[in-house]
Amino acid sequence: MNKNSLFKHIPWIIIAILGACCLGVVALRRGEHISALWIIVASVSVYIVAYRYYSLYIAQKVMKLDPTRATPAVINNDGLNYVPTNSKVLFGHHFAAIAGAGPLVGPVLAAQMGYLPGVLWLLAGVVLAGAVQDFMVLFISSRRNGASLGEIIKEEMGTVPGTIALFGCFLIMIIILAVLALIVVKALAESPWGVFTVCSTVPIALFMGIYMRYLRPGRIGEVSVIGIILLVAAIWFGGVIAHDPYWGPALTFKDTTITFALIGYAFVSALLPVWLILAPRDYLATFLKIGVIVGLAIGIVILNPELKMPALTQYVGGNGPLWNGALFPFLFITIACGAVSGFHALIASGTTPKLLACETDARFIGYGAMLMESFVAMMALVAASIIEPGLYFAMNTPPAGLGITMPNLHELGGENAPMILAQLKDVTAHAAATVSSWGFVISPEQILQTAKDIGEPSVLNRAGGAPTLAVGIAHVFHQIMPLADMGFWYHFGILFEALFILTALDAGTRSGRFMLQDLLGNFVPFLKKSDSWIAGVVGTAGCVGLWGYLLYQGVVDPLGGVKSLWPLFGISNQMLAAVALILATVVLVKMKRAQYIWVTLVPAVWLLVCTTWALALKLFSSEEKMEGFFYMASKYNDRIASAGADVTPAQLANMKHIVVNNYTNAGLSILFLFVVYSIIFYGIRTYLKARDSKEPTDKETPYVPVPKEGIKISSGH
C-alpha cells in the first residue's frame, strides 16, 4: 500500500474510531442517563464504514460484479415487468418496498428490555446479515433472469427442494402481507386525514410515471420536486379535510371498508406496468420516509435529549409486560426489519431484479437500502427511549397486564360522557400505580396530560409500538417546530406509518404474484409467463385473495384470520432469511468461491439457532409467561371439558376458537421447520456434490454484454 492510498483511508479510520468510541459510551455507561446523540453518531459511523469497506469487499471479491454484463431488465425490457430503471428511483422503490412495519414497530417493542440490546443487534445484524442477504439475493436473482427465491432454489438444488421452498416462501409471504395490511387498516380506519393523503399518492404517482416516461423523460430532479410539493400539499390538505364538517365525516370509513379498498388497490397495482404506479409511488413515498427519519435525527441533534429508558431493564430475562420471552432468542425475532428480514429476500428476488439497469447498482440498492432501513429502526428505538419509561409501559401494556378494564371511549360524545370520563380517570390512576410499582414512576396526571397534548381521550391500551413512535415523533417535532401542536405531529406520525407500510404491501403483492405464478407454473407452464395478462390476473387474484381473506377475517373477528397467525409472523420471517442465506451459501460453493461462504454461512447458522429455539419454545413450553401452542390447546380443551352451566355459549365458542388457533399455529410451525430443514438437507447434498466438481455448476444465465449503444432507461426513470 503506497502513501497516497494510505491517506485515502485516514478519514474512514477517523470515522471508525469515532463510531467505536460512541458505541463504547452507549454500551458501557451505567447508572446515569446519556444523550441520544451517542447512538446516532455510533450508528451513522458504523453504516458508513460498513458500506465503504464490507459491501465493497462483497461486491469485488465475493460476487465480482460485472458492469459489462446486461441485466434481466435490459435483456427482457418489455415496458411492463422488466424495465431498466434509474438507480436512484430503484433505490427508492426497493427501500419503500422492504421498509414496512418491522423497522417501526419491532424496535419500539424491544425497548422493554432497554435500549442497549436493540442498538447492538440492529448494528451487528444489518452489517453482517441483513444487508448481506439483500445484496446477495439481488445479485443471484439478477444472474438468473430475475427469478424468485423458490425458483432459484429449484434451479440450484433440485425440483423437490424447489417446490418445497416455493410453497413455504409463498405461505410466509401471505402471512407477512396480511399482517402489513392489518396495520394499515388500523391506521386508516376512522381517519379522514390518512385516507385522503394515502389516496392522493395514487394520482400523484400516476402523474409522475407518465411525466417521466412520456412528457419529460429522464428529468428525475424535476419530477422529484413536483412530486414532493404535491405530497406535502396532500399531507397539509388532509389535515384541513379532517376538520371539515362535510368532508371529514364523508372520508371517515370503517375498518371493513378500508379492507376492501386495500384489497382492490393491491390487485390493480400488481397488474399495472411497474413504471406507471409502483416505481413512482414507492419513489415518492421514500422522500417522506427518509425525510421524516432524517428530520427526526436532526431534531435529536438539535435538542440533544436524554435516553430516559435504562440501557437494560429487569425484563432482559423474560416476563416482560409487553411480550413474553427472554433476550435470547426473542430479541432477534422481535427486531427483524432493520437487522435482518426474510421478507426482503422476496423483494430482492421479486420486483427489484427486474428493474436493475446495471449490475453494479446492486451494491447501492441491495446493501445501501438495508442500511437506510436499519437507520429507520434505530430512530424508532431512540424515539421510544426518549419518552418517560412509565409512559412507554402504560401505553404498550395490555389492559389485563395493568389490571384495568378500559371504558368504552366511543361513548364520550354521548350522554354517558361524564361517567366515561370518571371511569377513565380511575383506570388511569390504577395504571399509573401499577407501572410505578414496576420501578418506572409516572403519575396519572402525566398520562392524562400526554393524551390531552396529542388530542386523544387516552393513551392507555395503545399496544403495537406505532402509537409510541408517533408520540416520540410528536415530542421531537413539536419542540423544533412549535407552530404546530403535538396533536398535529402525533396524527402526522400515524399517517407517516400508514404510508410507510402501504408501499411494502403493494410491492410485496407484486412479488407474491410472481411467486405464485412460479409455483403454479410447475403444473401449468403457461401460468409462469410474467408478460401474460391472463397468467398475471390468475397469480394476482390468488395472492390477493389469500392475504385478503386472512385480513378480512382478522378485521371482523378478534380471534380470527391474520390475528390468529400473529405469533408466527416474526419467527417465520427470520426462518425465511435463514433459507435465503443458505441458498446464497450453496450458490457460492457452486460458483467455486467456497473460500467466501463464511459471509453467508455465519449469519445463516445464527438465524437457524435463534428461530429453531424460539419455535421449540412456542410449540412446547409450559411456563406461565411462555405458554406453547400445544400447552395452550390442552389447557383450553380441559376448560371446555369441565365447563359448567356458568359458562355462556359465547365463552365456550371463544375457547374452542382458541384451541383451533393454537393447533393451527402448531401445525404451521412444524411445516416451517420442515421447509427450513429440508432446504438444509438438500443444501448440504448440493454442497457435497458441487465440492467434488472441478468446474462451476451454478445455473446462472449465459453472459450477455451490455449493448454497444449503452443502456436505454426506457421508462424515463
Foldseek 3Di string as FASTA:
>chain_A
DDPVVVVVCVVLVVLQVLLVVLLCCLPPDPDDWAWPVSLVSNLVSLLVSLLVPVLVCCCCPQLNFDQFFFWLLQVVVDLFQFFAADLLLLLLLLLLQQQACQLQFLLLLLCLFPLQVVSVLLSVQLSQFALLLLLLLLLQLRLASLAFPLVQCCQQQHPVLSLLCLVLVLVLLLLQLLVLLLLLLVLQAQQQLLQQLLVQLQVLLQVLLCCLQPVPFQPVVVSLVVLQVSSVVSNVVSVVLCPDPPSVVVSRHHSLVSLVVLLVVLLVLLRGGCSRGLSSSSSSLSCLLLVLLVVLVVLSVVVRFIQQRGNGAPCQQFPGQQATDHVFPVSCLSNDQSRHWLLSSLLSSFRSSSHHRGRVSSSCNSSVSSSSRNSSSSSSNSLSRRDQVLLSCQLAGALVSLVHDQDDPVCCVDPCVVVNLVNVLVSLQSSQVSSVVSVRHDHSVVQCVLCVQQVHRGSGRNHRSQLSSQQSSLVRCCVVVVVDTSNSSSSVSSSSSSSSNSSNSSSSLSSSLQSVLVNCCVVVVVLNDPPDSVSSSVSSCVSSVSSSVLNSQVSVPVCGRSNLVVVCNSLSGLLSSLLSLLSSLLLSLLQVNNVPNCSSPVVSVVSVVRSVVVLVQQADPVDPSRHHLVNLLVVLVVCLVPPDPVQDPVNSVVSVSSNVSSVVNNVSSVSSVVSSVVSVVSSVVSSVVSNPDPHRDRDGDDGDTADPVGGDSNSSD
